[in-house]
Amino acid sequence: MPDPDETNPPDIPETILEFPCIFPLKVMGHAADDFEDFVVGIVHTHAPLSARTVISRASSGGKYLSVTVTFVAESKAQLDAIYLELSQHKRVLMAL
């Protein structure tokens, strides 16, 4: 059985991101009039946003909508909380 210290060496960072950082989060789902507001609402519960940080794009067929929200991420825990909340909703098909 491997030594726990060997499987998680202390000099390997948990994330390559350095916080705080500008973080673009793209969320995709089925196109609906309120999908952008839905995504922004979830992200806003975890991070402050300004009106200029949101870009939405419909797919070529109009069936899907991608919403990119760019914000200042303060920590890995904050990002984990956002991804967890988004992934729990069946309206979200993918979050990158």
PDB file of N, CA and C in Angstrom:
ATOM      1  N   MET A   1       0.849  -1.171   0.000  1.00  0.00           N
ATOM      2  CA  MET A   1       0.000   0.000   0.000  1.00  0.00           C
ATOM      3  C   MET A   1       0.899   1.240   0.000  1.00  0.00           C
ATOM      4  N   PRO A   2       0.606   2.214  -0.919  1.00  0.00           N
ATOM      5  CA  PRO A   2       1.473   3.390  -0.991  1.00  0.00           C
ATOM      6  C   PRO A   2       1.316   4.289   0.227  1.00  0.00           C
ATOM      7  N   ASP A   3       2.414   4.929   0.545  1.00  0.00           N
ATOM      8  CA  ASP A   3       2.423   5.906   1.630  1.00  0.00           C
ATOM      9  C   ASP A   3       1.580   7.108   1.199  1.00  0.00           C
ATOM     10  N   PRO A   4       0.628   7.600   2.024  1.00  0.00           N
ATOM     11  CA  PRO A   4      -0.217   8.733   1.628  1.00  0.00           C
ATOM     12  C   PRO A   4       0.591   9.965   1.241  1.00  0.00           C
ATOM     13  N   ASP A   5       1.756  10.149   1.842  1.00  0.00           N
ATOM     14  CA  ASP A   5       2.579  11.305   1.505  1.00  0.00           C
ATOM     15  C   ASP A   5       3.154  11.192   0.096  1.00  0.00           C
ATOM     16  N   GLU A   6       3.308   9.973  -0.406  1.00  0.00           N
ATOM     17  CA  GLU A   6       3.840   9.776  -1.748  1.00  0.00           C
ATOM     18  C   GLU A   6       2.779  10.013  -2.822  1.00  0.00           C
ATOM     19  N   THR A   7       1.507   9.764  -2.529  1.00  0.00           N
ATOM     20  CA  THR A   7       0.457   9.953  -3.519  1.00  0.00           C
ATOM     21  C   THR A   7       0.064  11.417  -3.653  1.00  0.00           C
ATOM     22  N   ASN A   8       0.277  12.236  -2.665  1.00  0.00           N
ATOM     23  CA  ASN A   8      -0.043  13.654  -2.707  1.00  0.00           C
ATOM     24  C   ASN A   8       1.155  14.466  -2.232  1.00  0.00           C
ATOM     25  N   PRO A   9       2.196  14.566  -3.063  1.00  0.00           N
ATOM     26  CA  PRO A   9       3.371  15.327  -2.640  1.00  0.00           C
ATOM     27  C   PRO A   9       2.995  16.770  -2.301  1.00  0.00           C
ATOM     28  N   PRO A  10       3.578  17.332  -1.260  1.00  0.00           N
ATOM     29  CA  PRO A  10       3.193  18.669  -0.816  1.00  0.00           C
ATOM     30  C   PRO A  10       3.563  19.779  -1.792  1.00  0.00           C
ATOM     31  N   ASP A  11       4.488  19.553  -2.723  1.00  0.00           N
ATOM     32  CA  ASP A  11       4.899  20.622  -3.624  1.00  0.00           C
ATOM     33  C   ASP A  11       4.062  20.701  -4.904  1.00  0.00           C
ATOM     34  N   ILE A  12       3.061  19.839  -5.065  1.00  0.00           N
ATOM     35  CA  ILE A  12       2.184  19.894  -6.227  1.00  0.00           C
ATOM     36  C   ILE A  12       0.948  20.695  -5.834  1.00  0.00           C
ATOM     37  N   PRO A  13       0.702  21.818  -6.534  1.00  0.00           N
ATOM     38  CA  PRO A  13      -0.445  22.652  -6.167  1.00  0.00           C
ATOM     39  C   PRO A  13      -1.767  21.967  -6.484  1.00  0.00           C
ATOM     40  N   GLU A  14      -2.797  22.325  -5.714  1.00  0.00           N
ATOM     41  CA  GLU A  14      -4.133  21.767  -5.910  1.00  0.00           C
ATOM     42  C   GLU A  14      -4.740  22.283  -7.216  1.00  0.00           C
ATOM     43  N   THR A  15      -4.355  23.480  -7.633  1.00  0.00           N
ATOM     44  CA  THR A  15      -4.834  24.073  -8.867  1.00  0.00           C
ATOM     45  C   THR A  15      -3.711  24.896  -9.492  1.00  0.00           C
ATOM     46  N   ILE A  16      -3.780  25.053 -10.807  1.00  0.00           N
ATOM     47  CA  ILE A  16      -2.757  25.866 -11.470  1.00  0.00           C
ATOM     48  C   ILE A  16      -3.140  27.344 -11.474  1.00  0.00           C
ATOM     49  N   LEU A  17      -4.352  27.647 -11.073  1.00  0.00           N
ATOM     50  CA  LEU A  17      -4.805  29.029 -11.028  1.00  0.00           C
ATOM     51  C   LEU A  17      -4.194  29.759  -9.841  1.00  0.00           C
ATOM     52  N   GLU A  18      -3.926  31.035 -10.043  1.00  0.00           N
ATOM     53  CA  GLU A  18      -3.482  31.885  -8.944  1.00  0.00           C
ATOM     54  C   GLU A  18      -4.622  32.843  -8.637  1.00  0.00           C
ATOM     55  N   PHE A  19      -5.054  32.878  -7.396  1.00  0.00           N
ATOM     56  CA  PHE A  19      -6.209  33.685  -7.006  1.00  0.00           C
ATOM     57  C   PHE A  19      -5.759  34.965  -6.340  1.00  0.00           C
ATOM     58  N   PRO A  20      -6.537  36.038  -6.512  1.00  0.00           N
ATOM     59  CA  PRO A  20      -7.717  36.171  -7.371  1.00  0.00           C
ATOM     60  C   PRO A  20      -7.317  36.197  -8.843  1.00  0.00           C
ATOM     61  N   CYS A  21      -8.267  35.802  -9.700  1.00  0.00           N
ATOM     62  CA  CYS A  21      -8.011  35.804 -11.142  1.00  0.00           C
ATOM     63  C   CYS A  21      -9.306  36.057 -11.906  1.00  0.00           C
ATOM     64  N   ILE A  22      -9.151  36.552 -13.118  1.00  0.00           N
ATOM     65  CA  ILE A  22     -10.302  36.722 -14.010  1.00  0.00           C
ATOM     66  C   ILE A  22     -10.639  35.334 -14.546  1.00  0.00           C
ATOM     67  N   PHE A  23     -11.908  34.927 -14.384  1.00  0.00           N
ATOM     68  CA  PHE A  23     -12.296  33.568 -14.737  1.00  0.00           C
ATOM     69  C   PHE A  23     -13.516  33.578 -15.649  1.00  0.00           C
ATOM     70  N   PRO A  24     -13.379  33.102 -16.897  1.00  0.00           N
ATOM     71  CA  PRO A  24     -14.541  32.980 -17.775  1.00  0.00           C
ATOM     72  C   PRO A  24     -15.191  31.606 -17.593  1.00  0.00           C
ATOM     73  N   LEU A  25     -16.448  31.619 -17.252  1.00  0.00           N
ATOM     74  CA  LEU A  25     -17.203  30.384 -17.034  1.00  0.00           C
ATOM     75  C   LEU A  25     -18.256  30.277 -18.127  1.00  0.00           C
ATOM     76  N   LYS A  26     -18.226  29.189 -18.894  1.00  0.00           N
ATOM     77  CA  LYS A  26     -19.204  28.986 -19.959  1.00  0.00           C
ATOM     78  C   LYS A  26     -20.172  27.897 -19.533  1.00  0.00           C
ATOM     79  N   VAL A  27     -21.459  28.213 -19.633  1.00  0.00           N
ATOM     80  CA  VAL A  27     -22.518  27.283 -19.244  1.00  0.00           C
ATOM     81  C   VAL A  27     -23.434  27.096 -20.442  1.00  0.00           C
ATOM     82  N   MET A  28     -23.728  25.838 -20.779  1.00  0.00           N
ATOM     83  CA  MET A  28     -24.582  25.547 -21.918  1.00  0.00           C
ATOM     84  C   MET A  28     -25.850  24.828 -21.477  1.00  0.00           C
ATOM     85  N   GLY A  29     -26.939  25.182 -22.143  1.00  0.00           N
ATOM     86  CA  GLY A  29     -28.222  24.557 -21.857  1.00  0.00           C
ATOM     87  C   GLY A  29     -29.163  24.739 -23.032  1.00  0.00           C
ATOM     88  N   HIS A  30     -30.374  24.226 -22.892  1.00  0.00           N
ATOM     89  CA  HIS A  30     -31.385  24.417 -23.929  1.00  0.00           C
ATOM     90  C   HIS A  30     -31.788  25.882 -23.944  1.00  0.00           C
ATOM     91  N   ALA A  31     -31.965  26.419 -25.143  1.00  0.00           N
ATOM     92  CA  ALA A  31     -32.327  27.831 -25.284  1.00  0.00           C
ATOM     93  C   ALA A  31     -33.681  28.088 -24.629  1.00  0.00           C
ATOM     94  N   ALA A  32     -33.721  29.096 -23.786  1.00  0.00           N
ATOM     95  CA  ALA A  32     -34.948  29.547 -23.136  1.00  0.00           C
ATOM     96  C   ALA A  32     -34.757  31.022 -22.818  1.00  0.00           C
ATOM     97  N   ASP A  33     -35.861  31.765 -22.787  1.00  0.00           N
ATOM     98  CA  ASP A  33     -35.776  33.205 -22.550  1.00  0.00           C
ATOM     99  C   ASP A  33     -35.086  33.551 -21.232  1.00  0.00           C
ATOM    100  N   ASP A  34     -35.204  32.686 -20.248  1.00  0.00           N
ATOM    101  CA  ASP A  34     -34.655  33.007 -18.928  1.00  0.00           C
ATOM    102  C   ASP A  34     -33.346  32.277 -18.600  1.00  0.00           C
ATOM    103  N   PHE A  35     -32.744  31.576 -19.575  1.00  0.00           N
ATOM    104  CA  PHE A  35     -31.548  30.789 -19.259  1.00  0.00           C
ATOM    105  C   PHE A  35     -30.381  31.675 -18.837  1.00  0.00           C
ATOM    106  N   GLU A  36     -30.183  32.798 -19.511  1.00  0.00           N
ATOM    107  CA  GLU A  36     -29.091  33.700 -19.121  1.00  0.00           C
ATOM    108  C   GLU A  36     -29.291  34.195 -17.682  1.00  0.00           C
ATOM    109  N   ASP A  37     -30.489  34.635 -17.362  1.00  0.00           N
ATOM    110  CA  ASP A  37     -30.769  35.104 -15.997  1.00  0.00           C
ATOM    111  C   ASP A  37     -30.582  33.992 -14.967  1.00  0.00           C
ATOM    112  N   PHE A  38     -30.965  32.784 -15.338  1.00  0.00           N
ATOM    113  CA  PHE A  38     -30.801  31.624 -14.468  1.00  0.00           C
ATOM    114  C   PHE A  38     -29.321  31.406 -14.130  1.00  0.00           C
ATOM    115  N   VAL A  39     -28.468  31.414 -15.156  1.00  0.00           N
ATOM    116  CA  VAL A  39     -27.027  31.198 -14.963  1.00  0.00           C
ATOM    117  C   VAL A  39     -26.421  32.341 -14.157  1.00  0.00           C
ATOM    118  N   VAL A  40     -26.722  33.571 -14.547  1.00  0.00           N
ATOM    119  CA  VAL A  40     -26.176  34.739 -13.859  1.00  0.00           C
ATOM    120  C   VAL A  40     -26.601  34.731 -12.393  1.00  0.00           C
ATOM    121  N   GLY A  41     -27.823  34.353 -12.119  1.00  0.00           N
ATOM    122  CA  GLY A  41     -28.312  34.304 -10.740  1.00  0.00           C
ATOM    123  C   GLY A  41     -27.502  33.347  -9.878  1.00  0.00           C
ATOM    124  N   ILE A  42     -27.193  32.188 -10.416  1.00  0.00           N
ATOM    125  CA  ILE A  42     -26.399  31.216  -9.655  1.00  0.00           C
ATOM    126  C   ILE A  42     -24.991  31.737  -9.422  1.00  0.00           C
ATOM    127  N   VAL A  43     -24.350  32.235 -10.478  1.00  0.00           N
ATOM    128  CA  VAL A  43     -22.979  32.731 -10.323  1.00  0.00           C
ATOM    129  C   VAL A  43     -22.958  33.910  -9.357  1.00  0.00           C
ATOM    130  N   HIS A  44     -23.956  34.782  -9.460  1.00  0.00           N
ATOM    131  CA  HIS A  44     -23.999  35.980  -8.614  1.00  0.00           C
ATOM    132  C   HIS A  44     -24.146  35.651  -7.124  1.00  0.00           C
ATOM    133  N   THR A  45     -24.712  34.507  -6.797  1.00  0.00           N
ATOM    134  CA  THR A  45     -24.809  34.131  -5.380  1.00  0.00           C
ATOM    135  C   THR A  45     -23.439  33.820  -4.786  1.00  0.00           C
ATOM    136  N   HIS A  46     -22.461  33.568  -5.654  1.00  0.00           N
ATOM    137  CA  HIS A  46     -21.116  33.204  -5.202  1.00  0.00           C
ATOM    138  C   HIS A  46     -20.060  34.268  -5.489  1.00  0.00           C
ATOM    139  N   ALA A  47     -20.339  35.172  -6.449  1.00  0.00           N
ATOM    140  CA  ALA A  47     -19.340  36.162  -6.866  1.00  0.00           C
ATOM    141  C   ALA A  47     -20.030  37.435  -7.344  1.00  0.00           C
ATOM    142  N   PRO A  48     -19.470  38.604  -7.022  1.00  0.00           N
ATOM    143  CA  PRO A  48     -20.055  39.849  -7.539  1.00  0.00           C
ATOM    144  C   PRO A  48     -19.862  39.938  -9.054  1.00  0.00           C
ATOM    145  N   LEU A  49     -20.862  40.485  -9.745  1.00  0.00           N
ATOM    146  CA  LEU A  49     -20.818  40.593 -11.206  1.00  0.00           C
ATOM    147  C   LEU A  49     -21.172  42.005 -11.636  1.00  0.00           C
ATOM    148  N   SER A  50     -20.696  42.393 -12.808  1.00  0.00           N
ATOM    149  CA  SER A  50     -21.143  43.639 -13.426  1.00  0.00           C
ATOM    150  C   SER A  50     -21.868  43.279 -14.711  1.00  0.00           C
ATOM    151  N   ALA A  51     -22.644  44.206 -15.237  1.00  0.00           N
ATOM    152  CA  ALA A  51     -23.464  43.929 -16.429  1.00  0.00           C
ATOM    153  C   ALA A  51     -22.615  43.575 -17.642  1.00  0.00           C
ATOM    154  N   ARG A  52     -21.373  44.027 -17.691  1.00  0.00           N
ATOM    155  CA  ARG A  52     -20.538  43.798 -18.879  1.00  0.00           C
ATOM    156  C   ARG A  52     -19.848  42.438 -18.862  1.00  0.00           C
ATOM    157  N   THR A  53     -20.125  41.588 -17.915  1.00  0.00           N
ATOM    158  CA  THR A  53     -19.396  40.335 -17.794  1.00  0.00           C
ATOM    159  C   THR A  53     -20.136  39.133 -18.380  1.00  0.00           C
ATOM    160  N   VAL A  54     -21.246  39.364 -19.065  1.00  0.00           N
ATOM    161  CA  VAL A  54     -22.079  38.261 -19.545  1.00  0.00           C
ATOM    162  C   VAL A  54     -22.232  38.341 -21.062  1.00  0.00           C
ATOM    163  N   ILE A  55     -21.931  37.222 -21.741  1.00  0.00           N
ATOM    164  CA  ILE A  55     -22.115  37.122 -23.191  1.00  0.00           C
ATOM    165  C   ILE A  55     -22.892  35.836 -23.465  1.00  0.00           C
ATOM    166  N   SER A  56     -23.981  35.962 -24.224  1.00  0.00           N
ATOM    167  CA  SER A  56     -24.787  34.788 -24.579  1.00  0.00           C
ATOM    168  C   SER A  56     -24.743  34.577 -26.084  1.00  0.00           C
ATOM    169  N   ARG A  57     -24.734  33.302 -26.470  1.00  0.00           N
ATOM    170  CA  ARG A  57     -24.716  32.938 -27.884  1.00  0.00           C
ATOM    171  C   ARG A  57     -25.622  31.739 -28.103  1.00  0.00           C
ATOM    172  N   ALA A  58     -26.481  31.861 -29.094  1.00  0.00           N
ATOM    173  CA  ALA A  58     -27.335  30.734 -29.472  1.00  0.00           C
ATOM    174  C   ALA A  58     -26.579  29.844 -30.446  1.00  0.00           C
ATOM    175  N   SER A  59     -26.898  28.557 -30.425  1.00  0.00           N
ATOM    176  CA  SER A  59     -26.306  27.631 -31.389  1.00  0.00           C
ATOM    177  C   SER A  59     -26.843  27.959 -32.779  1.00  0.00           C
ATOM    178  N   SER A  60     -26.215  27.419 -33.801  1.00  0.00           N
ATOM    179  CA  SER A  60     -26.627  27.726 -35.178  1.00  0.00           C
ATOM    180  C   SER A  60     -28.077  27.332 -35.437  1.00  0.00           C
ATOM    181  N   GLY A  61     -28.545  26.274 -34.822  1.00  0.00           N
ATOM    182  CA  GLY A  61     -29.929  25.847 -34.982  1.00  0.00           C
ATOM    183  C   GLY A  61     -30.883  26.486 -33.993  1.00  0.00           C
ATOM    184  N   GLY A  62     -30.349  27.230 -33.035  1.00  0.00           N
ATOM    185  CA  GLY A  62     -31.182  27.910 -32.052  1.00  0.00           C
ATOM    186  C   GLY A  62     -31.695  27.035 -30.923  1.00  0.00           C
ATOM    187  N   LYS A  63     -31.275  25.785 -30.876  1.00  0.00           N
ATOM    188  CA  LYS A  63     -31.771  24.867 -29.851  1.00  0.00           C
ATOM    189  C   LYS A  63     -31.051  25.047 -28.512  1.00  0.00           C
ATOM    190  N   TYR A  64     -29.792  25.479 -28.559  1.00  0.00           N
ATOM    191  CA  TYR A  64     -28.976  25.600 -27.354  1.00  0.00           C
ATOM    192  C   TYR A  64     -28.515  27.039 -27.159  1.00  0.00           C
ATOM    193  N   LEU A  65     -28.175  27.361 -25.927  1.00  0.00           N
ATOM    194  CA  LEU A  65     -27.660  28.676 -25.600  1.00  0.00           C
ATOM    195  C   LEU A  65     -26.438  28.505 -24.717  1.00  0.00           C
ATOM    196  N   SER A  66     -25.372  29.241 -25.051  1.00  0.00           N
ATOM    197  CA  SER A  66     -24.207  29.243 -24.174  1.00  0.00           C
ATOM    198  C   SER A  66     -24.129  30.625 -23.533  1.00  0.00           C
ATOM    199  N   VAL A  67     -23.859  30.626 -22.253  1.00  0.00           N
ATOM    200  CA  VAL A  67     -23.740  31.863 -21.493  1.00  0.00           C
ATOM    201  C   VAL A  67     -22.348  31.868 -20.878  1.00  0.00           C
ATOM    202  N   THR A  68     -21.561  32.876 -21.233  1.00  0.00           N
ATOM    203  CA  THR A  68     -20.229  33.017 -20.654  1.00  0.00           C
ATOM    204  C   THR A  68     -20.274  34.158 -19.647  1.00  0.00           C
ATOM    205  N   VAL A  69     -19.960  33.833 -18.411  1.00  0.00           N
ATOM    206  CA  VAL A  69     -19.927  34.811 -17.330  1.00  0.00           C
ATOM    207  C   VAL A  69     -18.473  34.945 -16.898  1.00  0.00           C
ATOM    208  N   THR A  70     -17.939  36.154 -16.994  1.00  0.00           N
ATOM    209  CA  THR A  70     -16.552  36.404 -16.591  1.00  0.00           C
ATOM    210  C   THR A  70     -16.573  37.193 -15.289  1.00  0.00           C
ATOM    211  N   PHE A  71     -15.845  36.705 -14.308  1.00  0.00           N
ATOM    212  CA  PHE A  71     -15.849  37.324 -12.989  1.00  0.00           C
ATOM    213  C   PHE A  71     -14.492  37.132 -12.330  1.00  0.00           C
ATOM    214  N   VAL A  72     -14.297  37.788 -11.203  1.00  0.00           N
ATOM    215  CA  VAL A  72     -13.061  37.626 -10.446  1.00  0.00           C
ATOM    216  C   VAL A  72     -13.264  36.462  -9.474  1.00  0.00           C
ATOM    217  N   ALA A  73     -12.543  35.382  -9.721  1.00  0.00           N
ATOM    218  CA  ALA A  73     -12.598  34.214  -8.833  1.00  0.00           C
ATOM    219  C   ALA A  73     -11.622  34.436  -7.689  1.00  0.00           C
ATOM    220  N   GLU A  74     -12.094  34.223  -6.481  1.00  0.00           N
ATOM    221  CA  GLU A  74     -11.281  34.466  -5.286  1.00  0.00           C
ATOM    222  C   GLU A  74     -10.591  33.215  -4.749  1.00  0.00           C
ATOM    223  N   SER A  75     -11.148  32.023  -5.075  1.00  0.00           N
ATOM    224  CA  SER A  75     -10.564  30.794  -4.525  1.00  0.00           C
ATOM    225  C   SER A  75     -11.072  29.575  -5.285  1.00  0.00           C
ATOM    226  N   LYS A  76     -10.374  28.467  -5.116  1.00  0.00           N
ATOM    227  CA  LYS A  76     -10.817  27.203  -5.693  1.00  0.00           C
ATOM    228  C   LYS A  76     -12.133  26.769  -5.065  1.00  0.00           C
ATOM    229  N   ALA A  77     -12.282  27.016  -3.770  1.00  0.00           N
ATOM    230  CA  ALA A  77     -13.527  26.654  -3.078  1.00  0.00           C
ATOM    231  C   ALA A  77     -14.722  27.397  -3.685  1.00  0.00           C
ATOM    232  N   GLN A  78     -14.530  28.654  -4.036  1.00  0.00           N
ATOM    233  CA  GLN A  78     -15.594  29.434  -4.669  1.00  0.00           C
ATOM    234  C   GLN A  78     -15.969  28.821  -6.016  1.00  0.00           C
ATOM    235  N   LEU A  79     -14.971  28.492  -6.832  1.00  0.00           N
ATOM    236  CA  LEU A  79     -15.247  27.869  -8.128  1.00  0.00           C
ATOM    237  C   LEU A  79     -15.924  26.514  -7.961  1.00  0.00           C
ATOM    238  N   ASP A  80     -15.465  25.736  -7.015  1.00  0.00           N
ATOM    239  CA  ASP A  80     -16.087  24.426  -6.757  1.00  0.00           C
ATOM    240  C   ASP A  80     -17.554  24.587  -6.396  1.00  0.00           C
ATOM    241  N   ALA A  81     -17.875  25.583  -5.579  1.00  0.00           N
ATOM    242  CA  ALA A  81     -19.262  25.811  -5.166  1.00  0.00           C
ATOM    243  C   ALA A  81     -20.133  26.202  -6.358  1.00  0.00           C
ATOM    244  N   ILE A  82     -19.596  27.042  -7.239  1.00  0.00           N
ATOM    245  CA  ILE A  82     -20.350  27.452  -8.432  1.00  0.00           C
ATOM    246  C   ILE A  82     -20.605  26.254  -9.336  1.00  0.00           C
ATOM    247  N   TYR A  83     -19.548  25.482  -9.634  1.00  0.00           N
ATOM    248  CA  TYR A  83     -19.701  24.305 -10.494  1.00  0.00           C
ATOM    249  C   TYR A  83     -20.654  23.283  -9.875  1.00  0.00           C
ATOM    250  N   LEU A  84     -20.581  23.095  -8.580  1.00  0.00           N
ATOM    251  CA  LEU A  84     -21.470  22.134  -7.913  1.00  0.00           C
ATOM    252  C   LEU A  84     -22.924  22.556  -8.044  1.00  0.00           C
ATOM    253  N   GLU A  85     -23.203  23.834  -7.772  1.00  0.00           N
ATOM    254  CA  GLU A  85     -24.587  24.291  -7.867  1.00  0.00           C
ATOM    255  C   GLU A  85     -25.104  24.211  -9.298  1.00  0.00           C
ATOM    256  N   LEU A  86     -24.283  24.611 -10.258  1.00  0.00           N
ATOM    257  CA  LEU A  86     -24.709  24.527 -11.656  1.00  0.00           C
ATOM    258  C   LEU A  86     -24.954  23.083 -12.086  1.00  0.00           C
ATOM    259  N   SER A  87     -24.061  22.189 -11.708  1.00  0.00           N
ATOM    260  CA  SER A  87     -24.173  20.797 -12.159  1.00  0.00           C
ATOM    261  C   SER A  87     -25.373  20.071 -11.552  1.00  0.00           C
ATOM    262  N   GLN A  88     -25.938  20.607 -10.485  1.00  0.00           N
ATOM    263  CA  GLN A  88     -27.099  19.979  -9.851  1.00  0.00           C
ATOM    264  C   GLN A  88     -28.409  20.299 -10.565  1.00  0.00           C
ATOM    265  N   HIS A  89     -28.391  21.235 -11.493  1.00  0.00           N
ATOM    266  CA  HIS A  89     -29.600  21.628 -12.218  1.00  0.00           C
ATOM    267  C   HIS A  89     -29.677  20.895 -13.544  1.00  0.00           C
ATOM    268  N   LYS A  90     -30.846  20.334 -13.835  1.00  0.00           N
ATOM    269  CA  LYS A  90     -30.992  19.617 -15.101  1.00  0.00           C
ATOM    270  C   LYS A  90     -31.070  20.562 -16.300  1.00  0.00           C
ATOM    271  N   ARG A  91     -31.232  21.864 -16.054  1.00  0.00           N
ATOM    272  CA  ARG A  91     -31.219  22.831 -17.152  1.00  0.00           C
ATOM    273  C   ARG A  91     -29.810  23.007 -17.717  1.00  0.00           C
ATOM    274  N   VAL A  92     -28.803  22.703 -16.924  1.00  0.00           N
ATOM    275  CA  VAL A  92     -27.407  22.870 -17.342  1.00  0.00           C
ATOM    276  C   VAL A  92     -26.941  21.580 -18.006  1.00  0.00           C
ATOM    277  N   LEU A  93     -26.564  21.690 -19.273  1.00  0.00           N
ATOM    278  CA  LEU A  93     -26.047  20.533 -19.990  1.00  0.00           C
ATOM    279  C   LEU A  93     -24.547  20.385 -19.800  1.00  0.00           C
ATOM    280  N   MET A  94     -23.840  21.539 -19.685  1.00  0.00           N
ATOM    281  CA  MET A  94     -22.385  21.490 -19.543  1.00  0.00           C
ATOM    282  C   MET A  94     -21.918  22.823 -18.973  1.00  0.00           C
ATOM    283  N   ALA A  95     -20.909  22.746 -18.132  1.00  0.00           N
ATOM    284  CA  ALA A  95     -20.259  23.959 -17.604  1.00  0.00           C
ATOM    285  C   ALA A  95     -18.757  23.778 -17.761  1.00  0.00           C
ATOM    286  N   LEU A  96     -18.131  24.755 -18.388  1.00  0.00           N
ATOM    287  CA  LEU A  96     -16.691  24.705 -18.638  1.00  0.00           C
ATOM    288  C   LEU A  96     -16.017  25.900 -18.002  1.00  0.00           C
TER     289      LEU A  96
END
